[in-house]
Amino acid sequence: MAGNPSILVIHGPNLNLLGSREPDVYGRVTLAEIDAGLAAEAKELDCELESFQSNHEGELIDRIQQAIGSVDGVLINPGGLTHSSVSLRDALAATALPIVEVHLSNVFAREPFRHHSFVSGIAVGVISGLGARGYGVGLEALLAHIRA
């Protein structure tokens, strides 16, 4: 794409409850606060940013497919679909876009079923366990990859 890079941020199921859902695991920062922080960081980094959240796998897949030809990369926290959705992984792979996967908690310090990700194998990087700050780290890494 010409001009500043364009990034699609995808937030998966239950992330709309951030701030109140298991704050000892996910922190007290809300999704709106994460998106506002990302928007401010995107402005500083000279990139365009759109955020999308859904609790519905099909809606996430539809939005990812719509990204083909319109964005330069995807920053995604797939939530629980990380560990269960081949369809989400296939939609991401079909875009042929660089992807950075983000998780608020350290998934490797949690239940064994969370140690497997269908997304990680197609991502240029994975950020896990840095809380809300991980989104900014992921955005910077994704932009560095795109600009390289």
Protein backbone atom coordinates (compact mmCIF):
# COMPACT_ATOMS: atom_id res chain seq x y z
CA MET A 1 0.00 0.00 0.00
CA ALA A 2 1.17 3.52 -0.68
CA GLY A 3 1.65 6.00 2.16
CA ASN A 4 1.69 5.12 5.82
CA PRO A 5 1.27 1.45 6.75
CA SER A 6 -2.23 0.37 7.71
CA ILE A 7 -2.70 -2.09 10.57
CA LEU A 8 -5.80 -4.06 11.50
CA VAL A 9 -6.05 -4.90 15.20
CA ILE A 10 -8.26 -7.89 15.95
CA HIS A 11 -9.50 -8.61 19.47
CA GLY A 12 -11.13 -12.01 19.94
CA PRO A 13 -13.84 -13.33 22.24
CA ASN A 14 -14.27 -11.98 25.77
CA LEU A 15 -11.73 -9.19 25.33
CA ASN A 16 -14.63 -6.73 25.51
CA LEU A 17 -14.71 -7.64 29.23
CA LEU A 18 -11.15 -6.52 29.93
CA GLY A 19 -10.83 -4.50 33.09
CA SER A 20 -13.44 -6.53 34.93
CA ARG A 21 -12.81 -10.10 33.74
CA GLU A 22 -10.26 -11.92 35.92
CA PRO A 23 -8.22 -8.76 36.60
CA ASP A 24 -5.59 -10.83 38.44
CA VAL A 25 -4.89 -12.59 35.11
CA TYR A 26 -5.70 -9.93 32.48
CA GLY A 27 -5.20 -6.69 34.40
CA ARG A 28 -7.52 -3.75 34.97
CA VAL A 29 -6.99 -1.96 31.65
CA THR A 30 -10.13 -1.92 29.52
CA LEU A 31 -10.29 -2.70 25.82
CA ALA A 32 -11.21 0.95 25.14
CA GLU A 33 -8.06 2.03 26.97
CA ILE A 34 -5.94 -0.44 24.99
CA ASP A 35 -7.42 0.83 21.72
CA ALA A 36 -6.90 4.47 22.74
CA GLY A 37 -3.27 3.77 23.62
CA LEU A 38 -2.73 1.97 20.33
CA ALA A 39 -4.32 4.84 18.39
CA ALA A 40 -1.99 7.33 20.08
CA GLU A 41 1.03 5.12 19.42
CA ALA A 42 -0.01 4.60 15.79
CA LYS A 43 -0.12 8.35 15.30
CA GLU A 44 3.43 8.67 16.70
CA LEU A 45 4.60 5.79 14.48
CA ASP A 46 2.99 7.24 11.34
CA CYS A 47 0.60 4.40 10.66
CA GLU A 48 -3.12 3.98 10.18
CA LEU A 49 -4.94 1.75 12.65
CA GLU A 50 -8.34 0.11 12.84
CA SER A 51 -9.46 -2.02 15.79
CA PHE A 52 -12.17 -4.66 15.67
CA GLN A 53 -13.53 -6.91 18.43
CA SER A 54 -16.08 -9.68 18.26
CA ASN A 55 -17.16 -12.61 20.36
CA HIS A 56 -18.16 -14.44 17.17
CA GLU A 57 -15.64 -16.48 15.23
CA GLY A 58 -17.39 -15.95 11.89
CA GLU A 59 -17.40 -12.16 12.31
CA LEU A 60 -13.67 -12.22 13.06
CA ILE A 61 -13.05 -14.35 9.97
CA ASP A 62 -15.19 -12.04 7.81
CA ARG A 63 -13.26 -8.97 9.01
CA ILE A 64 -9.91 -10.67 8.43
CA GLN A 65 -10.93 -11.61 4.88
CA GLN A 66 -12.02 -8.00 4.25
CA ALA A 67 -8.48 -6.93 5.15
CA ILE A 68 -7.04 -8.54 2.02
CA GLY A 69 -5.69 -5.75 -0.17
CA SER A 70 -6.63 -3.00 2.29
CA VAL A 71 -4.11 -3.28 5.15
CA ASP A 72 -0.42 -4.01 5.50
CA GLY A 73 -0.49 -6.18 8.61
CA VAL A 74 -2.59 -7.69 11.39
CA LEU A 75 -2.05 -7.41 15.13
CA ILE A 76 -4.25 -10.04 16.78
CA ASN A 77 -5.21 -11.27 20.20
CA PRO A 78 -7.35 -14.28 19.24
CA GLY A 79 -8.41 -14.88 22.85
CA GLY A 80 -9.63 -18.42 23.45
CA LEU A 81 -9.77 -19.06 19.69
CA THR A 82 -5.97 -19.18 19.79
CA HIS A 83 -6.17 -22.72 21.04
CA SER A 84 -9.16 -24.01 19.09
CA SER A 85 -9.74 -22.33 15.74
CA VAL A 86 -8.22 -23.75 12.60
CA SER A 87 -10.68 -21.58 10.66
CA LEU A 88 -9.32 -18.38 12.18
CA ARG A 89 -5.77 -19.51 11.43
CA ASP A 90 -6.71 -20.34 7.85
CA ALA A 91 -8.34 -16.90 7.36
CA LEU A 92 -5.19 -15.19 8.66
CA ALA A 93 -2.98 -17.34 6.41
CA ALA A 94 -5.17 -16.55 3.40
CA THR A 95 -4.43 -12.84 3.76
CA ALA A 96 -0.70 -13.46 3.18
CA LEU A 97 -0.16 -10.49 5.52
CA PRO A 98 2.39 -10.29 8.31
CA ILE A 99 0.76 -11.10 11.64
CA VAL A 100 1.85 -10.48 15.22
CA GLU A 101 0.00 -12.46 17.89
CA VAL A 102 -0.53 -10.82 21.29
CA HIS A 103 -1.62 -12.29 24.63
CA LEU A 104 -2.04 -10.28 27.81
CA SER A 105 -1.14 -13.18 30.09
CA ASN A 106 1.80 -15.52 29.82
CA VAL A 107 -0.06 -18.42 28.24
CA PHE A 108 2.87 -20.75 28.95
CA ALA A 109 2.54 -20.21 32.70
CA ARG A 110 -1.13 -21.21 32.59
CA GLU A 111 -3.13 -24.36 31.89
CA PRO A 112 -1.50 -26.80 29.44
CA PHE A 113 -4.28 -26.39 26.84
CA ARG A 114 -3.24 -22.73 26.47
CA HIS A 115 0.30 -23.70 25.44
CA HIS A 116 -0.78 -24.51 21.87
CA SER A 117 -1.63 -21.79 19.37
CA PHE A 118 -2.98 -22.33 15.88
CA VAL A 119 -1.85 -18.78 15.03
CA SER A 120 1.77 -18.77 16.21
CA GLY A 121 3.01 -20.89 13.32
CA ILE A 122 2.00 -18.26 10.77
CA ALA A 123 2.92 -15.19 12.84
CA VAL A 124 6.12 -13.19 12.46
CA GLY A 125 6.16 -12.90 16.25
CA VAL A 126 4.28 -13.60 19.46
CA ILE A 127 4.06 -11.28 22.47
CA SER A 128 2.86 -13.02 25.64
CA GLY A 129 2.66 -11.97 29.26
CA LEU A 130 3.35 -8.24 29.05
CA GLY A 131 -0.21 -7.20 29.80
CA ALA A 132 -1.70 -4.30 27.86
CA ARG A 133 1.82 -3.07 27.06
CA GLY A 134 2.22 -6.11 24.81
CA TYR A 135 -0.06 -4.55 22.22
CA GLY A 136 2.30 -1.57 21.79
CA VAL A 137 5.32 -3.88 21.60
CA GLY A 138 3.48 -5.95 19.02
CA LEU A 139 2.57 -2.88 16.97
CA GLU A 140 6.17 -1.67 16.95
CA ALA A 141 7.44 -5.11 15.93
CA LEU A 142 4.84 -5.45 13.18
CA LEU A 143 5.68 -2.03 11.76
CA ALA A 144 9.41 -2.78 11.87
CA HIS A 145 8.76 -5.99 9.93
CA ILE A 146 6.60 -4.19 7.34
CA ARG A 147 9.09 -1.36 6.89
CA ALA A 148 12.14 -3.67 6.62
